[in-house]
PDB file of all heavy atoms in Angstrom:
ATOM      1  N   LEU A   1      -6.697  -6.955 -17.210  1.00  0.00           N
ATOM      2  CA  LEU A   1      -6.921  -8.289 -16.642  1.00  0.00           C
ATOM      3  C   LEU A   1      -8.033  -8.300 -15.603  1.00  0.00           C
ATOM      4  O   LEU A   1      -8.476  -9.371 -15.183  1.00  0.00           O
ATOM      5  CB  LEU A   1      -5.625  -8.813 -16.010  1.00  0.00           C
ATOM      6  CG  LEU A   1      -4.437  -8.998 -16.961  1.00  0.00           C
ATOM      7  CD1 LEU A   1      -3.240  -9.552 -16.210  1.00  0.00           C
ATOM      8  CD2 LEU A   1      -4.801  -9.913 -18.126  1.00  0.00           C
ATOM      9  N   GLY A   2      -8.460  -7.115 -15.151  1.00  0.00           N
ATOM     10  CA  GLY A   2      -9.531  -7.043 -14.169  1.00  0.00           C
ATOM     11  C   GLY A   2      -9.114  -7.464 -12.776  1.00  0.00           C
ATOM     12  O   GLY A   2      -9.903  -8.078 -12.047  1.00  0.00           O
ATOM     13  N   VAL A   3      -7.867  -7.133 -12.376  1.00  0.00           N
ATOM     14  CA  VAL A   3      -7.376  -7.486 -11.038  1.00  0.00           C
ATOM     15  C   VAL A   3      -6.753  -6.258 -10.386  1.00  0.00           C
ATOM     16  O   VAL A   3      -6.369  -5.310 -11.069  1.00  0.00           O
ATOM     17  CB  VAL A   3      -6.329  -8.627 -11.097  1.00  0.00           C
ATOM     18  CG1 VAL A   3      -6.948  -9.891 -11.656  1.00  0.00           C
ATOM     19  CG2 VAL A   3      -5.119  -8.217 -11.929  1.00  0.00           C
ATOM     20  N   GLN A   4      -6.652  -6.286  -9.063  1.00  0.00           N
ATOM     21  CA  GLN A   4      -6.035  -5.186  -8.333  1.00  0.00           C
ATOM     22  C   GLN A   4      -4.513  -5.282  -8.423  1.00  0.00           C
ATOM     23  O   GLN A   4      -3.950  -6.348  -8.694  1.00  0.00           O
ATOM     24  CB  GLN A   4      -6.473  -5.215  -6.865  1.00  0.00           C
ATOM     25  CG  GLN A   4      -7.978  -5.026  -6.672  1.00  0.00           C
ATOM     26  CD  GLN A   4      -8.372  -5.089  -5.205  1.00  0.00           C
ATOM     27  OE1 GLN A   4      -7.569  -5.440  -4.341  1.00  0.00           O
ATOM     28  NE2 GLN A   4      -9.616  -4.741  -4.918  1.00  0.00           N
ATOM     29  N   LEU A   5      -3.835  -4.152  -8.151  1.00  0.00           N
ATOM     30  CA  LEU A   5      -2.377  -4.115  -8.258  1.00  0.00           C
ATOM     31  C   LEU A   5      -1.714  -5.080  -7.280  1.00  0.00           C
ATOM     32  O   LEU A   5      -0.703  -5.702  -7.609  1.00  0.00           O
ATOM     33  CB  LEU A   5      -1.869  -2.684  -8.019  1.00  0.00           C
ATOM     34  CG  LEU A   5      -2.225  -1.664  -9.101  1.00  0.00           C
ATOM     35  CD1 LEU A   5      -1.772  -0.270  -8.685  1.00  0.00           C
ATOM     36  CD2 LEU A   5      -1.596  -2.047 -10.435  1.00  0.00           C
ATOM     37  N   TYR A   6      -2.258  -5.215  -6.071  1.00  0.00           N
ATOM     38  CA  TYR A   6      -1.702  -6.154  -5.090  1.00  0.00           C
ATOM     39  C   TYR A   6      -1.709  -7.566  -5.653  1.00  0.00           C
ATOM     40  O   TYR A   6      -0.718  -8.297  -5.571  1.00  0.00           O
ATOM     41  CB  TYR A   6      -2.512  -6.077  -3.791  1.00  0.00           C
ATOM     42  CG  TYR A   6      -2.108  -7.099  -2.745  1.00  0.00           C
ATOM     43  CD1 TYR A   6      -1.142  -6.797  -1.789  1.00  0.00           C
ATOM     44  CD2 TYR A   6      -2.703  -8.364  -2.707  1.00  0.00           C
ATOM     45  CE1 TYR A   6      -0.772  -7.728  -0.818  1.00  0.00           C
ATOM     46  CE2 TYR A   6      -2.334  -9.302  -1.752  1.00  0.00           C
ATOM     47  CZ  TYR A   6      -1.377  -8.972  -0.813  1.00  0.00           C
ATOM     48  OH  TYR A   6      -1.007  -9.901   0.134  1.00  0.00           O
ATOM     49  N   ASP A   7      -2.834  -7.965  -6.236  1.00  0.00           N
ATOM     50  CA  ASP A   7      -2.955  -9.311  -6.808  1.00  0.00           C
ATOM     51  C   ASP A   7      -2.103  -9.440  -8.067  1.00  0.00           C
ATOM     52  O   ASP A   7      -1.503 -10.498  -8.309  1.00  0.00           O
ATOM     53  CB  ASP A   7      -4.417  -9.620  -7.130  1.00  0.00           C
ATOM     54  CG  ASP A   7      -5.289  -9.618  -5.892  1.00  0.00           C
ATOM     55  OD1 ASP A   7      -4.820 -10.114  -4.852  1.00  0.00           O
ATOM     56  OD2 ASP A   7      -6.427  -9.114  -5.954  1.00  0.00           O
ATOM     57  N   LEU A   8      -2.039  -8.383  -8.857  1.00  0.00           N
ATOM     58  CA  LEU A   8      -1.264  -8.417 -10.098  1.00  0.00           C
ATOM     59  C   LEU A   8       0.201  -8.723  -9.823  1.00  0.00           C
ATOM     60  O   LEU A   8       0.818  -9.540 -10.510  1.00  0.00           O
ATOM     61  CB  LEU A   8      -1.398  -7.072 -10.821  1.00  0.00           C
ATOM     62  CG  LEU A   8      -0.655  -6.934 -12.154  1.00  0.00           C
ATOM     63  CD1 LEU A   8      -1.365  -7.750 -13.234  1.00  0.00           C
ATOM     64  CD2 LEU A   8      -0.567  -5.463 -12.570  1.00  0.00           C
ATOM     65  N   ASP A   9       0.770  -8.083  -8.799  1.00  0.00           N
ATOM     66  CA  ASP A   9       2.189  -8.280  -8.492  1.00  0.00           C
ATOM     67  C   ASP A   9       2.510  -9.704  -8.099  1.00  0.00           C
ATOM     68  O   ASP A   9       3.639 -10.172  -8.299  1.00  0.00           O
ATOM     69  CB  ASP A   9       2.615  -7.333  -7.357  1.00  0.00           C
ATOM     70  CG  ASP A   9       2.877  -5.925  -7.847  1.00  0.00           C
ATOM     71  OD1 ASP A   9       3.147  -5.763  -9.047  1.00  0.00           O
ATOM     72  OD2 ASP A   9       2.816  -4.983  -7.030  1.00  0.00           O
ATOM     73  N   ARG A  10       1.560 -10.432  -7.540  1.00  0.00           N
ATOM     74  CA  ARG A  10       1.813 -11.778  -7.024  1.00  0.00           C
ATOM     75  C   ARG A  10       1.463 -12.885  -8.019  1.00  0.00           C
ATOM     76  O   ARG A  10       1.590 -14.064  -7.690  1.00  0.00           O
ATOM     77  CB  ARG A  10       1.042 -11.963  -5.706  1.00  0.00           C
ATOM     78  CG  ARG A  10       1.700 -11.213  -4.556  1.00  0.00           C
ATOM     79  CD  ARG A  10       0.742 -10.884  -3.421  1.00  0.00           C
ATOM     80  NE  ARG A  10       1.440 -10.217  -2.332  1.00  0.00           N
ATOM     81  CZ  ARG A  10       1.793  -8.924  -2.357  1.00  0.00           C
ATOM     82  NH1 ARG A  10       1.494  -8.175  -3.404  1.00  0.00           N
ATOM     83  NH2 ARG A  10       2.442  -8.384  -1.332  1.00  0.00           N
ATOM     84  N   MET A  11       1.051 -12.508  -9.208  1.00  0.00           N
ATOM     85  CA  MET A  11       0.713 -13.513 -10.218  1.00  0.00           C
ATOM     86  C   MET A  11       1.966 -14.078 -10.873  1.00  0.00           C
ATOM     87  O   MET A  11       3.029 -13.450 -10.888  1.00  0.00           O
ATOM     88  CB  MET A  11      -0.181 -12.892 -11.294  1.00  0.00           C
ATOM     89  CG  MET A  11      -1.603 -12.657 -10.844  1.00  0.00           C
ATOM     90  SD  MET A  11      -2.600 -12.014 -12.204  1.00  0.00           S
ATOM     91  CE  MET A  11      -4.219 -12.032 -11.446  1.00  0.00           C
ATOM     92  N   ASP A  12       1.805 -15.257 -11.436  1.00  0.00           N
ATOM     93  CA  ASP A  12       2.862 -15.881 -12.235  1.00  0.00           C
ATOM     94  C   ASP A  12       2.725 -15.322 -13.647  1.00  0.00           C
ATOM     95  O   ASP A  12       2.165 -15.947 -14.532  1.00  0.00           O
ATOM     96  CB  ASP A  12       2.680 -17.405 -12.206  1.00  0.00           C
ATOM     97  CG  ASP A  12       3.736 -18.125 -13.016  1.00  0.00           C
ATOM     98  OD1 ASP A  12       4.734 -17.486 -13.403  1.00  0.00           O
ATOM     99  OD2 ASP A  12       3.569 -19.329 -13.275  1.00  0.00           O
ATOM    100  N   LEU A  13       3.249 -14.107 -13.849  1.00  0.00           N
ATOM    101  CA  LEU A  13       2.909 -13.348 -15.044  1.00  0.00           C
ATOM    102  C   LEU A  13       4.113 -12.579 -15.575  1.00  0.00           C
ATOM    103  O   LEU A  13       4.839 -11.929 -14.815  1.00  0.00           O
ATOM    104  CB  LEU A  13       1.774 -12.366 -14.708  1.00  0.00           C
ATOM    105  CG  LEU A  13       1.326 -11.388 -15.791  1.00  0.00           C
ATOM    106  CD1 LEU A  13       0.786 -12.124 -17.001  1.00  0.00           C
ATOM    107  CD2 LEU A  13       0.280 -10.440 -15.228  1.00  0.00           C
ATOM    108  N   THR A  14       4.311 -12.653 -16.879  1.00  0.00           N
ATOM    109  CA  THR A  14       5.314 -11.846 -17.577  1.00  0.00           C
ATOM    110  C   THR A  14       4.618 -11.109 -18.707  1.00  0.00           C
ATOM    111  O   THR A  14       3.827 -11.695 -19.446  1.00  0.00           O
ATOM    112  CB  THR A  14       6.439 -12.729 -18.151  1.00  0.00           C
ATOM    113  OG1 THR A  14       7.082 -13.419 -17.078  1.00  0.00           O
ATOM    114  CG2 THR A  14       7.471 -11.884 -18.879  1.00  0.00           C
ATOM    115  N   ALA A  15       4.888  -9.813 -18.831  1.00  0.00           N
ATOM    116  CA  ALA A  15       4.248  -9.008 -19.869  1.00  0.00           C
ATOM    117  C   ALA A  15       5.294  -8.141 -20.560  1.00  0.00           C
ATOM    118  O   ALA A  15       6.244  -7.667 -19.938  1.00  0.00           O
ATOM    119  CB  ALA A  15       3.154  -8.131 -19.270  1.00  0.00           C
ATOM    120  N   ASP A  16       5.105  -7.944 -21.857  1.00  0.00           N
ATOM    121  CA  ASP A  16       5.978  -7.082 -22.657  1.00  0.00           C
ATOM    122  C   ASP A  16       5.285  -5.747 -22.903  1.00  0.00           C
ATOM    123  O   ASP A  16       4.084  -5.710 -23.168  1.00  0.00           O
ATOM    124  CB  ASP A  16       6.295  -7.736 -24.005  1.00  0.00           C
ATOM    125  CG  ASP A  16       7.034  -9.059 -23.842  1.00  0.00           C
ATOM    126  OD1 ASP A  16       7.790  -9.185 -22.867  1.00  0.00           O
ATOM    127  OD2 ASP A  16       6.840  -9.957 -24.689  1.00  0.00           O
ATOM    128  N   THR A  17       6.040  -4.658 -22.815  1.00  0.00           N
ATOM    129  CA  THR A  17       5.498  -3.334 -23.085  1.00  0.00           C
ATOM    130  C   THR A  17       6.243  -2.721 -24.272  1.00  0.00           C
ATOM    131  O   THR A  17       7.297  -3.206 -24.689  1.00  0.00           O
ATOM    132  CB  THR A  17       5.648  -2.398 -21.873  1.00  0.00           C
ATOM    133  OG1 THR A  17       7.017  -1.981 -21.761  1.00  0.00           O
ATOM    134  CG2 THR A  17       5.224  -3.095 -20.583  1.00  0.00           C
ATOM    135  N   SER A  18       5.693  -1.638 -24.804  1.00  0.00           N
ATOM    136  CA  SER A  18       6.333  -0.946 -25.923  1.00  0.00           C
ATOM    137  C   SER A  18       7.277   0.155 -25.458  1.00  0.00           C
ATOM    138  O   SER A  18       7.903   0.825 -26.279  1.00  0.00           O
ATOM    139  CB  SER A  18       5.250  -0.340 -26.830  1.00  0.00           C
ATOM    140  OG  SER A  18       4.503   0.631 -26.119  1.00  0.00           O
ATOM    141  N   LEU A  19       7.382   0.372 -24.144  1.00  0.00           N
ATOM    142  CA  LEU A  19       8.186   1.478 -23.615  1.00  0.00           C
ATOM    143  C   LEU A  19       9.676   1.239 -23.834  1.00  0.00           C
ATOM    144  O   LEU A  19      10.159   0.113 -23.758  1.00  0.00           O
ATOM    145  CB  LEU A  19       7.911   1.658 -22.125  1.00  0.00           C
ATOM    146  CG  LEU A  19       6.490   2.084 -21.745  1.00  0.00           C
ATOM    147  CD1 LEU A  19       6.317   2.037 -20.233  1.00  0.00           C
ATOM    148  CD2 LEU A  19       6.180   3.477 -22.274  1.00  0.00           C
ATOM    149  N   ASN A  20      10.404   2.326 -24.074  1.00  0.00           N
ATOM    150  CA  ASN A  20      11.860   2.307 -24.126  1.00  0.00           C
ATOM    151  C   ASN A  20      12.358   2.889 -22.811  1.00  0.00           C
ATOM    152  O   ASN A  20      12.394   4.120 -22.641  1.00  0.00           O
ATOM    153  CB  ASN A  20      12.355   3.131 -25.321  1.00  0.00           C
ATOM    154  CG  ASN A  20      13.863   3.066 -25.488  1.00  0.00           C
ATOM    155  OD1 ASN A  20      14.615   3.246 -24.536  1.00  0.00           O
ATOM    156  ND2 ASN A  20      14.314   2.822 -26.703  1.00  0.00           N
ATOM    157  N   MET A  21      12.722   2.044 -21.859  1.00  0.00           N
ATOM    158  CA  MET A  21      12.978   2.518 -20.508  1.00  0.00           C
ATOM    159  C   MET A  21      14.197   3.427 -20.380  1.00  0.00           C
ATOM    160  O   MET A  21      14.146   4.412 -19.631  1.00  0.00           O
ATOM    161  CB  MET A  21      13.085   1.325 -19.554  1.00  0.00           C
ATOM    162  CG  MET A  21      11.769   0.621 -19.305  1.00  0.00           C
ATOM    163  SD  MET A  21      10.394   1.746 -18.890  1.00  0.00           S
ATOM    164  CE  MET A  21      10.957   2.391 -17.318  1.00  0.00           C
ATOM    165  N   PRO A  22      15.322   3.188 -21.075  1.00  0.00           N
ATOM    166  CA  PRO A  22      16.429   4.157 -20.966  1.00  0.00           C
ATOM    167  C   PRO A  22      16.006   5.557 -21.406  1.00  0.00           C
ATOM    168  O   PRO A  22      16.316   6.550 -20.736  1.00  0.00           O
ATOM    169  CB  PRO A  22      17.504   3.565 -21.884  1.00  0.00           C
ATOM    170  CG  PRO A  22      17.229   2.107 -21.893  1.00  0.00           C
ATOM    171  CD  PRO A  22      15.739   1.998 -21.846  1.00  0.00           C
ATOM    172  N   LEU A  23      15.272   5.638 -22.528  1.00  0.00           N
ATOM    173  CA  LEU A  23      14.800   6.935 -22.995  1.00  0.00           C
ATOM    174  C   LEU A  23      13.750   7.508 -22.045  1.00  0.00           C
ATOM    175  O   LEU A  23      13.729   8.718 -21.772  1.00  0.00           O
ATOM    176  CB  LEU A  23      14.221   6.785 -24.407  1.00  0.00           C
ATOM    177  CG  LEU A  23      13.798   8.081 -25.110  1.00  0.00           C
ATOM    178  CD1 LEU A  23      14.974   9.035 -25.224  1.00  0.00           C
ATOM    179  CD2 LEU A  23      13.238   7.761 -26.500  1.00  0.00           C
ATOM    180  N   GLN A  24      12.866   6.642 -21.531  1.00  0.00           N
ATOM    181  CA  GLN A  24      11.858   7.059 -20.559  1.00  0.00           C
ATOM    182  C   GLN A  24      12.526   7.700 -19.343  1.00  0.00           C
ATOM    183  O   GLN A  24      12.124   8.783 -18.893  1.00  0.00           O
ATOM    184  CB  GLN A  24      11.039   5.830 -20.135  1.00  0.00           C
ATOM    185  CG  GLN A  24      10.166   6.022 -18.917  1.00  0.00           C
ATOM    186  CD  GLN A  24       8.770   6.486 -19.256  1.00  0.00           C
ATOM    187  OE1 GLN A  24       8.346   6.432 -20.401  1.00  0.00           O
ATOM    188  NE2 GLN A  24       8.054   6.959 -18.266  1.00  0.00           N
ATOM    189  N   ASN A  25      13.542   7.041 -18.799  1.00  0.00           N
ATOM    190  CA  ASN A  25      14.217   7.565 -17.610  1.00  0.00           C
ATOM    191  C   ASN A  25      14.972   8.846 -17.917  1.00  0.00           C
ATOM    192  O   ASN A  25      15.019   9.774 -17.092  1.00  0.00           O
ATOM    193  CB  ASN A  25      15.171   6.508 -17.055  1.00  0.00           C
ATOM    194  CG  ASN A  25      14.443   5.284 -16.539  1.00  0.00           C
ATOM    195  OD1 ASN A  25      13.290   5.371 -16.115  1.00  0.00           O
ATOM    196  ND2 ASN A  25      15.088   4.129 -16.573  1.00  0.00           N
ATOM    197  N   GLU A  26      15.580   8.928 -19.106  1.00  0.00           N
ATOM    198  CA  GLU A  26      16.331  10.123 -19.478  1.00  0.00           C
ATOM    199  C   GLU A  26      15.412  11.340 -19.584  1.00  0.00           C
ATOM    200  O   GLU A  26      15.733  12.431 -19.084  1.00  0.00           O
ATOM    201  CB  GLU A  26      17.044   9.877 -20.813  1.00  0.00           C
ATOM    202  CG  GLU A  26      17.975  11.000 -21.232  1.00  0.00           C
ATOM    203  CD  GLU A  26      18.704  10.684 -22.524  1.00  0.00           C
ATOM    204  OE1 GLU A  26      18.708   9.500 -22.931  1.00  0.00           O
ATOM    205  OE2 GLU A  26      19.267  11.616 -23.128  1.00  0.00           O
ATOM    206  N   ILE A  27      14.261  11.170 -20.218  1.00  0.00           N
ATOM    207  CA  ILE A  27      13.328  12.282 -20.362  1.00  0.00           C
ATOM    208  C   ILE A  27      12.702  12.648 -19.018  1.00  0.00           C
ATOM    209  O   ILE A  27      12.477  13.831 -18.723  1.00  0.00           O
ATOM    210  CB  ILE A  27      12.253  11.935 -21.412  1.00  0.00           C
ATOM    211  CG1 ILE A  27      12.912  11.855 -22.798  1.00  0.00           C
ATOM    212  CG2 ILE A  27      11.119  12.952 -21.411  1.00  0.00           C
ATOM    213  CD1 ILE A  27      11.980  11.468 -23.914  1.00  0.00           C
ATOM    214  N   SER A  28      12.440  11.649 -18.170  1.00  0.00           N
ATOM    215  CA  SER A  28      11.904  11.932 -16.830  1.00  0.00           C
ATOM    216  C   SER A  28      12.880  12.796 -16.041  1.00  0.00           C
ATOM    217  O   SER A  28      12.480  13.769 -15.371  1.00  0.00           O
ATOM    218  CB  SER A  28      11.627  10.625 -16.083  1.00  0.00           C
ATOM    219  OG  SER A  28      10.641   9.856 -16.737  1.00  0.00           O
ATOM    220  N   ARG A  29      14.170  12.455 -16.095  1.00  0.00           N
ATOM    221  CA  ARG A  29      15.179  13.265 -15.391  1.00  0.00           C
ATOM    222  C   ARG A  29      15.239  14.684 -15.954  1.00  0.00           C
ATOM    223  O   ARG A  29      15.380  15.656 -15.207  1.00  0.00           O
ATOM    224  CB  ARG A  29      16.551  12.589 -15.494  1.00  0.00           C
ATOM    225  CG  ARG A  29      16.721  11.368 -14.618  1.00  0.00           C
ATOM    226  CD  ARG A  29      18.167  10.937 -14.537  1.00  0.00           C
ATOM    227  NE  ARG A  29      18.684  10.520 -15.842  1.00  0.00           N
ATOM    228  CZ  ARG A  29      18.645   9.270 -16.272  1.00  0.00           C
ATOM    229  NH1 ARG A  29      18.096   8.324 -15.525  1.00  0.00           N
ATOM    230  NH2 ARG A  29      19.137   8.967 -17.461  1.00  0.00           N
ATOM    231  N   TYR A  30      15.126  14.811 -17.275  1.00  0.00           N
ATOM    232  CA  TYR A  30      15.164  16.130 -17.903  1.00  0.00           C
ATOM    233  C   TYR A  30      13.993  16.991 -17.415  1.00  0.00           C
ATOM    234  O   TYR A  30      14.178  18.173 -17.046  1.00  0.00           O
ATOM    235  CB  TYR A  30      15.121  15.985 -19.421  1.00  0.00           C
ATOM    236  CG  TYR A  30      15.190  17.301 -20.158  1.00  0.00           C
ATOM    237  CD1 TYR A  30      16.418  17.859 -20.489  1.00  0.00           C
ATOM    238  CD2 TYR A  30      14.024  17.992 -20.514  1.00  0.00           C
ATOM    239  CE1 TYR A  30      16.492  19.084 -21.159  1.00  0.00           C
ATOM    240  CE2 TYR A  30      14.082  19.202 -21.174  1.00  0.00           C
ATOM    241  CZ  TYR A  30      15.315  19.740 -21.499  1.00  0.00           C
ATOM    242  OH  TYR A  30      15.384  20.942 -22.148  1.00  0.00           O
ATOM    243  N   LEU A  31      12.795  16.413 -17.387  1.00  0.00           N
ATOM    244  CA  LEU A  31      11.628  17.177 -16.937  1.00  0.00           C
ATOM    245  C   LEU A  31      11.757  17.590 -15.479  1.00  0.00           C
ATOM    246  O   LEU A  31      11.326  18.687 -15.090  1.00  0.00           O
ATOM    247  CB  LEU A  31      10.349  16.349 -17.140  1.00  0.00           C
ATOM    248  CG  LEU A  31       9.972  16.008 -18.589  1.00  0.00           C
ATOM    249  CD1 LEU A  31       8.658  15.245 -18.617  1.00  0.00           C
ATOM    250  CD2 LEU A  31       9.882  17.257 -19.452  1.00  0.00           C
ATOM    251  N   GLN A  32      12.341  16.730 -14.657  1.00  0.00           N
ATOM    252  CA  GLN A  32      12.536  17.072 -13.249  1.00  0.00           C
ATOM    253  C   GLN A  32      13.567  18.178 -13.084  1.00  0.00           C
ATOM    254  O   GLN A  32      13.463  19.020 -12.176  1.00  0.00           O
ATOM    255  CB  GLN A  32      12.946  15.827 -12.465  1.00  0.00           C
ATOM    256  CG  GLN A  32      11.825  14.798 -12.335  1.00  0.00           C
ATOM    257  CD  GLN A  32      12.320  13.438 -11.900  1.00  0.00           C
ATOM    258  OE1 GLN A  32      13.520  13.231 -11.721  1.00  0.00           O
ATOM    259  NE2 GLN A  32      11.396  12.493 -11.743  1.00  0.00           N
ATOM    260  N   GLN A  33      14.581  18.203 -13.971  1.00  0.00           N
ATOM    261  CA  GLN A  33      15.596  19.248 -13.901  1.00  0.00           C
ATOM    262  C   GLN A  33      15.017  20.631 -14.176  1.00  0.00           C
ATOM    263  O   GLN A  33      15.566  21.645 -13.725  1.00  0.00           O
ATOM    264  CB  GLN A  33      16.711  18.972 -14.920  1.00  0.00           C
ATOM    265  CG  GLN A  33      17.736  17.951 -14.466  1.00  0.00           C
ATOM    266  CD  GLN A  33      18.849  17.806 -15.503  1.00  0.00           C
ATOM    267  OE1 GLN A  33      18.627  17.266 -16.590  1.00  0.00           O
ATOM    268  NE2 GLN A  33      20.022  18.307 -15.175  1.00  0.00           N
ATOM    269  N   LEU A  34      13.921  20.687 -14.905  1.00  0.00           N
ATOM    270  CA  LEU A  34      13.342  21.988 -15.261  1.00  0.00           C
ATOM    271  C   LEU A  34      12.837  22.751 -14.047  1.00  0.00           C
ATOM    272  O   LEU A  34      12.573  23.953 -14.139  1.00  0.00           O
ATOM    273  CB  LEU A  34      12.201  21.787 -16.264  1.00  0.00           C
ATOM    274  CG  LEU A  34      12.603  21.226 -17.642  1.00  0.00           C
ATOM    275  CD1 LEU A  34      11.381  21.007 -18.513  1.00  0.00           C
ATOM    276  CD2 LEU A  34      13.597  22.161 -18.341  1.00  0.00           C
ATOM    277  N   ALA A  35      12.682  22.064 -12.909  1.00  0.00           N
ATOM    278  CA  ALA A  35      12.286  22.759 -11.686  1.00  0.00           C
ATOM    279  C   ALA A  35      13.448  23.530 -11.068  1.00  0.00           C
ATOM    280  O   ALA A  35      13.240  24.391 -10.205  1.00  0.00           O
ATOM    281  CB  ALA A  35      11.732  21.751 -10.671  1.00  0.00           C
ATOM    282  N   ASP A  36      14.666  23.252 -11.490  1.00  0.00           N
ATOM    283  CA  ASP A  36      15.861  23.929 -10.982  1.00  0.00           C
ATOM    284  C   ASP A  36      16.029  25.251 -11.731  1.00  0.00           C
ATOM    285  O   ASP A  36      16.193  25.251 -12.960  1.00  0.00           O
ATOM    286  CB  ASP A  36      17.078  23.038 -11.197  1.00  0.00           C
ATOM    287  CG  ASP A  36      18.366  23.678 -10.703  1.00  0.00           C
ATOM    288  OD1 ASP A  36      18.302  24.782 -10.132  1.00  0.00           O
ATOM    289  OD2 ASP A  36      19.442  23.073 -10.913  1.00  0.00           O
ATOM    290  N   PRO A  37      15.998  26.397 -11.035  1.00  0.00           N
ATOM    291  CA  PRO A  37      16.116  27.698 -11.724  1.00  0.00           C
ATOM    292  C   PRO A  37      17.375  27.821 -12.577  1.00  0.00           C
ATOM    293  O   PRO A  37      17.332  28.405 -13.666  1.00  0.00           O
ATOM    294  CB  PRO A  37      16.121  28.706 -10.577  1.00  0.00           C
ATOM    295  CG  PRO A  37      15.410  28.010  -9.464  1.00  0.00           C
ATOM    296  CD  PRO A  37      15.781  26.557  -9.603  1.00  0.00           C
ATOM    297  N   THR A  38      18.484  27.260 -12.112  1.00  0.00           N
ATOM    298  CA  THR A  38      19.728  27.355 -12.873  1.00  0.00           C
ATOM    299  C   THR A  38      19.605  26.644 -14.211  1.00  0.00           C
ATOM    300  O   THR A  38      19.978  27.172 -15.267  1.00  0.00           O
ATOM    301  CB  THR A  38      20.897  26.754 -12.069  1.00  0.00           C
ATOM    302  OG1 THR A  38      21.005  27.433 -10.817  1.00  0.00           O
ATOM    303  CG2 THR A  38      22.206  26.885 -12.833  1.00  0.00           C
TER     304      THR A  38
END
């Protein structure tokens, strides 16, 4: 859109993404767990 993040957040705007957020969060947690030696 050619705008800064500050301005983007304050727009009257709704957008759809292709991300699957439950799966996204699950994999993010898994990758973070890999830092634990156990």
